[in-house]
PDB file of N, CA and C in Angstrom:
ATOM      1  N   MET A   1      10.694   4.914 -12.212  1.00  0.00           N
ATOM      2  CA  MET A   1      10.864   4.092 -11.261  1.00  0.00           C
ATOM      3  C   MET A   1       9.465   3.679 -10.368  1.00  0.00           C
ATOM      4  N   SER A   2       9.607   2.579 -10.319  1.00  0.00           N
ATOM      5  CA  SER A   2       8.132   1.983  -9.547  1.00  0.00           C
ATOM      6  C   SER A   2       8.291   2.218  -7.690  1.00  0.00           C
ATOM      7  N   THR A   3       7.570   2.828  -7.271  1.00  0.00           N
ATOM      8  CA  THR A   3       7.366   2.955  -5.916  1.00  0.00           C
ATOM      9  C   THR A   3       7.352   1.449  -5.089  1.00  0.00           C
ATOM     10  N   LEU A   4       6.532   0.826  -5.664  1.00  0.00           N
ATOM     11  CA  LEU A   4       6.648  -0.428  -4.962  1.00  0.00           C
ATOM     12  C   LEU A   4       7.805  -1.453  -5.039  1.00  0.00           C
ATOM     13  N   SER A   5       8.706  -1.087  -5.995  1.00  0.00           N
ATOM     14  CA  SER A   5       9.736  -2.080  -6.114  1.00  0.00           C
ATOM     15  C   SER A   5      10.951  -1.751  -5.087  1.00  0.00           C
ATOM     16  N   GLY A   6      10.795  -0.435  -4.593  1.00  0.00           N
ATOM     17  CA  GLY A   6      11.795   0.277  -3.644  1.00  0.00           C
ATOM     18  C   GLY A   6      11.772  -0.108  -2.114  1.00  0.00           C
ATOM     19  N   LYS A   7      10.314  -0.745  -1.805  1.00  0.00           N
ATOM     20  CA  LYS A   7      10.220  -0.862  -0.399  1.00  0.00           C
ATOM     21  C   LYS A   7       9.176  -2.117  -0.309  1.00  0.00           C
ATOM     22  N   ASN A   8       9.560  -2.911   0.676  1.00  0.00           N
ATOM     23  CA  ASN A   8       8.675  -4.113   0.858  1.00  0.00           C
ATOM     24  C   ASN A   8       8.236  -4.117   2.485  1.00  0.00           C
ATOM     25  N   TYR A   9       9.075  -3.833   3.360  1.00  0.00           N
ATOM     26  CA  TYR A   9       8.485  -3.822   4.369  1.00  0.00           C
ATOM     27  C   TYR A   9       8.880  -2.515   5.339  1.00  0.00           C
ATOM     28  N   PRO A  10       8.325  -2.242   6.465  1.00  0.00           N
ATOM     29  CA  PRO A  10       8.517  -0.955   7.071  1.00  0.00           C
ATOM     30  C   PRO A  10       9.874  -1.005   7.515  1.00  0.00           C
ATOM     31  N   SER A  11      10.807   0.186   7.666  1.00  0.00           N
ATOM     32  CA  SER A  11      12.129   0.150   8.086  1.00  0.00           C
ATOM     33  C   SER A  11      12.356   0.172   9.452  1.00  0.00           C
ATOM     34  N   ASP A  12      11.262   0.469  10.434  1.00  0.00           N
ATOM     35  CA  ASP A  12      11.376   0.381  12.036  1.00  0.00           C
ATOM     36  C   ASP A  12      10.548  -0.648  12.310  1.00  0.00           C
ATOM     37  N   PRO A  13      11.182  -1.766  13.165  1.00  0.00           N
ATOM     38  CA  PRO A  13      10.744  -2.890  13.288  1.00  0.00           C
ATOM     39  C   PRO A  13       9.599  -2.609  14.464  1.00  0.00           C
ATOM     40  N   SER A  14       9.590  -1.597  15.126  1.00  0.00           N
ATOM     41  CA  SER A  14       8.581  -1.055  16.202  1.00  0.00           C
ATOM     42  C   SER A  14       7.176  -0.894  15.853  1.00  0.00           C
ATOM     43  N   VAL A  15       7.150  -0.551  14.251  1.00  0.00           N
ATOM     44  CA  VAL A  15       5.868  -0.334  13.673  1.00  0.00           C
ATOM     45  C   VAL A  15       4.965  -1.625  13.383  1.00  0.00           C
ATOM     46  N   ARG A  16       3.741  -1.560  14.052  1.00  0.00           N
ATOM     47  CA  ARG A  16       2.708  -2.515  13.969  1.00  0.00           C
ATOM     48  C   ARG A  16       1.611  -2.079  12.867  1.00  0.00           C
ATOM     49  N   THR A  17       1.510  -2.971  11.765  1.00  0.00           N
ATOM     50  CA  THR A  17       0.893  -2.499  10.709  1.00  0.00           C
ATOM     51  C   THR A  17      -0.433  -3.246  10.538  1.00  0.00           C
ATOM     52  N   VAL A  18      -1.626  -2.718   9.718  1.00  0.00           N
ATOM     53  CA  VAL A  18      -2.953  -3.303   9.745  1.00  0.00           C
ATOM     54  C   VAL A  18      -2.898  -3.240   8.176  1.00  0.00           C
ATOM     55  N   GLN A  19      -3.874  -4.243   7.485  1.00  0.00           N
ATOM     56  CA  GLN A  19      -4.013  -4.122   6.031  1.00  0.00           C
ATOM     57  C   GLN A  19      -5.017  -2.971   5.852  1.00  0.00           C
ATOM     58  N   LEU A  20      -4.593  -2.114   4.677  1.00  0.00           N
ATOM     59  CA  LEU A  20      -5.251  -1.017   4.021  1.00  0.00           C
ATOM     60  C   LEU A  20      -6.425  -1.419   3.285  1.00  0.00           C
ATOM     61  N   GLY A  21      -5.806  -2.324   2.527  1.00  0.00           N
ATOM     62  CA  GLY A  21      -6.973  -2.556   1.281  1.00  0.00           C
ATOM     63  C   GLY A  21      -6.024  -3.596   0.254  1.00  0.00           C
ATOM     64  N   GLN A  22      -6.845  -3.805  -0.796  1.00  0.00           N
ATOM     65  CA  GLN A  22      -6.332  -4.841  -1.913  1.00  0.00           C
ATOM     66  C   GLN A  22      -6.599  -3.852  -3.071  1.00  0.00           C
ATOM     67  N   PHE A  23      -5.591  -3.578  -3.897  1.00  0.00           N
ATOM     68  CA  PHE A  23      -5.656  -2.393  -5.206  1.00  0.00           C
ATOM     69  C   PHE A  23      -5.208  -2.966  -6.309  1.00  0.00           C
ATOM     70  N   SER A  24      -5.604  -1.958  -7.298  1.00  0.00           N
ATOM     71  CA  SER A  24      -4.992  -2.287  -8.777  1.00  0.00           C
ATOM     72  C   SER A  24      -3.355  -2.075  -8.753  1.00  0.00           C
ATOM     73  N   ASP A  25      -2.638  -2.508  -9.630  1.00  0.00           N
ATOM     74  CA  ASP A  25      -1.223  -2.074  -9.496  1.00  0.00           C
ATOM     75  C   ASP A  25      -1.195  -0.492  -9.462  1.00  0.00           C
ATOM     76  N   ASP A  26      -2.025   0.087 -10.422  1.00  0.00           N
ATOM     77  CA  ASP A  26      -1.837   1.304 -10.914  1.00  0.00           C
ATOM     78  C   ASP A  26      -2.295   2.276  -9.623  1.00  0.00           C
ATOM     79  N   HIS A  27      -3.325   1.694  -8.638  1.00  0.00           N
ATOM     80  CA  HIS A  27      -3.828   2.719  -7.650  1.00  0.00           C
ATOM     81  C   HIS A  27      -2.888   2.401  -6.534  1.00  0.00           C
ATOM     82  N   ALA A  28      -2.024   1.307  -6.197  1.00  0.00           N
ATOM     83  CA  ALA A  28      -1.252   1.104  -5.540  1.00  0.00           C
ATOM     84  C   ALA A  28      -0.212   1.998  -5.650  1.00  0.00           C
ATOM     85  N   GLU A  29       0.603   1.766  -6.791  1.00  0.00           N
ATOM     86  CA  GLU A  29       1.685   2.590  -6.810  1.00  0.00           C
ATOM     87  C   GLU A  29       1.310   4.224  -6.439  1.00  0.00           C
ATOM     88  N   LEU A  30       0.223   4.693  -7.118  1.00  0.00           N
ATOM     89  CA  LEU A  30      -0.327   5.997  -6.500  1.00  0.00           C
ATOM     90  C   LEU A  30      -0.624   6.366  -4.734  1.00  0.00           C
ATOM     91  N   ILE A  31      -1.027   5.101  -4.300  1.00  0.00           N
ATOM     92  CA  ILE A  31      -1.291   5.193  -2.796  1.00  0.00           C
ATOM     93  C   ILE A  31      -0.010   5.441  -2.309  1.00  0.00           C
ATOM     94  N   ALA A  32       0.914   4.169  -2.416  1.00  0.00           N
ATOM     95  CA  ALA A  32       2.286   4.288  -2.265  1.00  0.00           C
ATOM     96  C   ALA A  32       3.082   5.555  -2.247  1.00  0.00           C
ATOM     97  N   ALA A  33       2.933   6.170  -3.065  1.00  0.00           N
ATOM     98  CA  ALA A  33       3.574   7.417  -3.295  1.00  0.00           C
ATOM     99  C   ALA A  33       3.032   8.464  -2.361  1.00  0.00           C
ATOM    100  N   ALA A  34       1.680   8.572  -2.163  1.00  0.00           N
ATOM    101  CA  ALA A  34       0.818   9.469  -1.255  1.00  0.00           C
ATOM    102  C   ALA A  34       1.421   9.015   0.150  1.00  0.00           C
ATOM    103  N   LEU A  35       1.522   7.785   0.567  1.00  0.00           N
ATOM    104  CA  LEU A  35       1.626   7.214   1.820  1.00  0.00           C
ATOM    105  C   LEU A  35       3.297   7.514   2.441  1.00  0.00           C
ATOM    106  N   GLU A  36       3.951   7.751   1.183  1.00  0.00           N
ATOM    107  CA  GLU A  36       5.570   8.102   1.443  1.00  0.00           C
ATOM    108  C   GLU A  36       5.345   9.730   1.943  1.00  0.00           C
ATOM    109  N   GLN A  37       4.530  10.605   1.135  1.00  0.00           N
ATOM    110  CA  GLN A  37       4.657  12.065   1.008  1.00  0.00           C
ATOM    111  C   GLN A  37       4.095  12.228   2.340  1.00  0.00           C
ATOM    112  N   ALA A  38       3.158  11.344   2.745  1.00  0.00           N
ATOM    113  CA  ALA A  38       2.635  11.816   4.280  1.00  0.00           C
ATOM    114  C   ALA A  38       3.423  11.187   5.729  1.00  0.00           C
ATOM    115  N   GLY A  39       4.260  10.646   5.148  1.00  0.00           N
ATOM    116  CA  GLY A  39       5.236   9.878   6.215  1.00  0.00           C
ATOM    117  C   GLY A  39       4.647   8.863   7.007  1.00  0.00           C
ATOM    118  N   ILE A  40       3.707   8.022   6.431  1.00  0.00           N
ATOM    119  CA  ILE A  40       3.052   6.869   6.887  1.00  0.00           C
ATOM    120  C   ILE A  40       3.832   5.742   6.578  1.00  0.00           C
ATOM    121  N   SER A  41       4.381   4.915   7.417  1.00  0.00           N
ATOM    122  CA  SER A  41       5.033   3.545   7.307  1.00  0.00           C
ATOM    123  C   SER A  41       3.898   2.881   6.608  1.00  0.00           C
ATOM    124  N   TRP A  42       4.454   2.098   5.576  1.00  0.00           N
ATOM    125  CA  TRP A  42       3.770   1.056   4.666  1.00  0.00           C
ATOM    126  C   TRP A  42       4.788  -0.140   4.265  1.00  0.00           C
ATOM    127  N   TRP A  43       4.011  -1.222   3.881  1.00  0.00           N
ATOM    128  CA  TRP A  43       4.593  -2.099   3.222  1.00  0.00           C
ATOM    129  C   TRP A  43       3.378  -2.745   2.403  1.00  0.00           C
ATOM    130  N   TYR A  44       4.043  -3.901   1.409  1.00  0.00           N
ATOM    131  CA  TYR A  44       2.725  -4.368   0.340  1.00  0.00           C
ATOM    132  C   TYR A  44       3.136  -5.698   0.315  1.00  0.00           C
ATOM    133  N   LYS A  45       2.319  -6.516  -0.280  1.00  0.00           N
ATOM    134  CA  LYS A  45       2.432  -7.863  -0.810  1.00  0.00           C
ATOM    135  C   LYS A  45       1.725  -8.032  -2.161  1.00  0.00           C
ATOM    136  N   GLN A  46       2.743  -8.397  -2.968  1.00  0.00           N
ATOM    137  CA  GLN A  46       2.171  -8.794  -4.356  1.00  0.00           C
ATOM    138  C   GLN A  46       2.009 -10.282  -4.611  1.00  0.00           C
ATOM    139  N   PRO A  47       1.184 -10.804  -5.466  1.00  0.00           N
ATOM    140  CA  PRO A  47       0.992 -11.961  -5.713  1.00  0.00           C
ATOM    141  C   PRO A  47       1.863 -12.268  -6.578  1.00  0.00           C
ATOM    142  N   GLY A  48       2.370 -13.571  -6.462  1.00  0.00           N
ATOM    143  CA  GLY A  48       3.529 -14.335  -7.116  1.00  0.00           C
ATOM    144  C   GLY A  48       3.172 -14.671  -8.651  1.00  0.00           C
ATOM    145  N   THR A  49       3.844 -14.858  -9.756  1.00  0.00           N
ATOM    146  CA  THR A  49       3.425 -15.092 -10.998  1.00  0.00           C
ATOM    147  C   THR A  49       2.360 -16.349 -10.815  1.00  0.00           C
ATOM    148  N   ILE A  50       2.515 -17.457 -10.437  1.00  0.00           N
ATOM    149  CA  ILE A  50       1.449 -18.233 -10.326  1.00  0.00           C
ATOM    150  C   ILE A  50       0.034 -18.139  -9.665  1.00  0.00           C
ATOM    151  N   SER A  51       0.440 -17.476  -8.430  1.00  0.00           N
ATOM    152  CA  SER A  51      -0.874 -16.895  -7.582  1.00  0.00           C
ATOM    153  C   SER A  51      -1.717 -15.799  -8.071  1.00  0.00           C
ATOM    154  N   ARG A  52      -1.221 -15.206  -9.276  1.00  0.00           N
ATOM    155  CA  ARG A  52      -1.849 -13.955  -9.790  1.00  0.00           C
ATOM    156  C   ARG A  52      -3.141 -14.689 -10.714  1.00  0.00           C
ATOM    157  N   ILE A  53      -2.986 -15.960 -10.697  1.00  0.00           N
ATOM    158  CA  ILE A  53      -4.162 -16.882 -11.399  1.00  0.00           C
ATOM    159  C   ILE A  53      -5.441 -16.663 -10.452  1.00  0.00           C
ATOM    160  N   TRP A  54      -5.271 -16.678  -9.139  1.00  0.00           N
ATOM    161  CA  TRP A  54      -6.511 -16.482  -8.147  1.00  0.00           C
ATOM    162  C   TRP A  54      -6.417 -15.220  -7.493  1.00  0.00           C
ATOM    163  N   GLU A  55      -5.149 -14.729  -7.389  1.00  0.00           N
ATOM    164  CA  GLU A  55      -5.391 -13.238  -6.771  1.00  0.00           C
ATOM    165  C   GLU A  55      -5.032 -11.955  -7.712  1.00  0.00           C
ATOM    166  N   TRP A  56      -5.683 -11.034  -7.313  1.00  0.00           N
ATOM    167  CA  TRP A  56      -5.469 -10.058  -8.093  1.00  0.00           C
ATOM    168  C   TRP A  56      -4.686  -8.584  -7.245  1.00  0.00           C
ATOM    169  N   GLY A  57      -4.216  -7.858  -7.776  1.00  0.00           N
ATOM    170  CA  GLY A  57      -3.982  -6.590  -7.144  1.00  0.00           C
ATOM    171  C   GLY A  57      -2.801  -6.783  -6.063  1.00  0.00           C
ATOM    172  N   VAL A  58      -2.414  -5.696  -5.607  1.00  0.00           N
ATOM    173  CA  VAL A  58      -1.531  -5.459  -4.312  1.00  0.00           C
ATOM    174  C   VAL A  58      -2.194  -5.266  -3.140  1.00  0.00           C
ATOM    175  N   ARG A  59      -1.664  -5.847  -2.191  1.00  0.00           N
ATOM    176  CA  ARG A  59      -2.257  -5.829  -0.727  1.00  0.00           C
ATOM    177  C   ARG A  59      -1.191  -4.522   0.037  1.00  0.00           C
ATOM    178  N   LEU A  60      -1.790  -3.481   0.605  1.00  0.00           N
ATOM    179  CA  LEU A  60      -0.950  -2.861   1.289  1.00  0.00           C
ATOM    180  C   LEU A  60      -1.335  -2.527   2.594  1.00  0.00           C
ATOM    181  N   TYR A  61      -0.196  -2.630   3.403  1.00  0.00           N
ATOM    182  CA  TYR A  61      -0.362  -2.581   4.986  1.00  0.00           C
ATOM    183  C   TYR A  61       0.229  -1.254   5.272  1.00  0.00           C
ATOM    184  N   VAL A  62      -0.308  -0.872   6.444  1.00  0.00           N
ATOM    185  CA  VAL A  62      -0.005   1.041   6.845  1.00  0.00           C
ATOM    186  C   VAL A  62       0.129   0.789   8.506  1.00  0.00           C
ATOM    187  N   ASP A  63       0.729   1.461   8.889  1.00  0.00           N
ATOM    188  CA  ASP A  63       1.001   1.734  10.376  1.00  0.00           C
ATOM    189  C   ASP A  63      -0.359   1.986  11.106  1.00  0.00           C
ATOM    190  N   ARG A  64      -0.412   0.843  12.035  1.00  0.00           N
ATOM    191  CA  ARG A  64      -2.147   1.143  12.579  1.00  0.00           C
ATOM    192  C   ARG A  64      -2.454   2.365  13.056  1.00  0.00           C
ATOM    193  N   GLU A  65      -1.248   3.073  13.585  1.00  0.00           N
ATOM    194  CA  GLU A  65      -1.520   4.585  14.250  1.00  0.00           C
ATOM    195  C   GLU A  65      -1.929   5.529  13.232  1.00  0.00           C
ATOM    196  N   ARG A  66      -1.835   5.024  11.940  1.00  0.00           N
ATOM    197  CA  ARG A  66      -2.132   6.092  10.919  1.00  0.00           C
ATOM    198  C   ARG A  66      -3.432   5.580  10.248  1.00  0.00           C
ATOM    199  N   ILE A  67      -3.831   4.620  10.597  1.00  0.00           N
ATOM    200  CA  ILE A  67      -4.941   4.052   9.455  1.00  0.00           C
ATOM    201  C   ILE A  67      -5.577   5.168   8.896  1.00  0.00           C
ATOM    202  N   THR A  68      -6.547   5.915   9.850  1.00  0.00           N
ATOM    203  CA  THR A  68      -7.449   6.743   9.350  1.00  0.00           C
ATOM    204  C   THR A  68      -6.672   7.564   8.118  1.00  0.00           C
ATOM    205  N   ASP A  69      -5.631   8.041   8.275  1.00  0.00           N
ATOM    206  CA  ASP A  69      -5.000   9.165   7.470  1.00  0.00           C
ATOM    207  C   ASP A  69      -4.753   8.343   6.287  1.00  0.00           C
ATOM    208  N   ALA A  70      -4.536   7.215   6.214  1.00  0.00           N
ATOM    209  CA  ALA A  70      -4.270   6.415   5.176  1.00  0.00           C
ATOM    210  C   ALA A  70      -5.348   6.065   4.382  1.00  0.00           C
ATOM    211  N   ARG A  71      -6.320   5.700   5.023  1.00  0.00           N
ATOM    212  CA  ARG A  71      -7.731   5.431   4.347  1.00  0.00           C
ATOM    213  C   ARG A  71      -8.231   6.705   3.698  1.00  0.00           C
ATOM    214  N   ALA A  72      -8.013   7.744   3.969  1.00  0.00           N
ATOM    215  CA  ALA A  72      -8.491   9.067   3.644  1.00  0.00           C
ATOM    216  C   ALA A  72      -7.958   9.123   2.259  1.00  0.00           C
ATOM    217  N   LEU A  73      -6.557   8.965   2.262  1.00  0.00           N
ATOM    218  CA  LEU A  73      -5.678   9.005   0.989  1.00  0.00           C
ATOM    219  C   LEU A  73      -5.980   8.078  -0.029  1.00  0.00           C
ATOM    220  N   ALA A  74      -6.156   6.816   0.420  1.00  0.00           N
ATOM    221  CA  ALA A  74      -6.559   5.836  -0.687  1.00  0.00           C
ATOM    222  C   ALA A  74      -8.032   6.128  -0.944  1.00  0.00           C
ATOM    223  N   ASP A  75      -8.853   6.620  -0.279  1.00  0.00           N
ATOM    224  CA  ASP A  75     -10.051   6.814  -0.769  1.00  0.00           C
ATOM    225  C   ASP A  75     -10.091   7.879  -1.891  1.00  0.00           C
ATOM    226  N   THR A  76      -9.426   8.819  -1.636  1.00  0.00           N
ATOM    227  CA  THR A  76      -9.071  10.042  -2.520  1.00  0.00           C
ATOM    228  C   THR A  76      -8.788   9.562  -3.732  1.00  0.00           C
ATOM    229  N   ILE A  77      -7.575   8.602  -3.886  1.00  0.00           N
ATOM    230  CA  ILE A  77      -6.851   8.193  -5.038  1.00  0.00           C
ATOM    231  C   ILE A  77      -7.813   7.281  -5.753  1.00  0.00           C
ATOM    232  N   THR A  78      -8.756   6.327  -5.034  1.00  0.00           N
ATOM    233  CA  THR A  78      -9.623   5.337  -5.639  1.00  0.00           C
ATOM    234  C   THR A  78     -10.560   5.907  -6.362  1.00  0.00           C
ATOM    235  N   SER A  79     -11.035   7.061  -5.648  1.00  0.00           N
ATOM    236  CA  SER A  79     -12.446   7.658  -6.547  1.00  0.00           C
ATOM    237  C   SER A  79     -12.268   8.490  -7.493  1.00  0.00           C
ATOM    238  N   SER A  80     -10.813   8.877  -7.688  1.00  0.00           N
ATOM    239  CA  SER A  80     -10.475   9.790  -8.810  1.00  0.00           C
ATOM    240  C   SER A  80     -10.758   9.070 -10.245  1.00  0.00           C
ATOM    241  N   PRO A  81     -11.273   9.834 -11.095  1.00  0.00           N
ATOM    242  CA  PRO A  81     -11.284   9.114 -12.647  1.00  0.00           C
ATOM    243  C   PRO A  81      -9.994   8.496 -13.026  1.00  0.00           C
TER     244      PRO A  81
END
């Protein structure tokens, strides 16, 4: 089951988010799973069928209070072969 298909917006409306980055679908899946395990609130935006022509990948947004932790997780995942 895809991690991204199960969640789109943070469940806590008081959480303020910032963009973590734009990632390939595969990296976004791995990062989303790591964010879940770390207890970091997140959401994502995928381009639609037509906008995939000029947009690539998935944009991930995370709790702004945890951006440093989220960046470290994303860096570890994207630097892995």
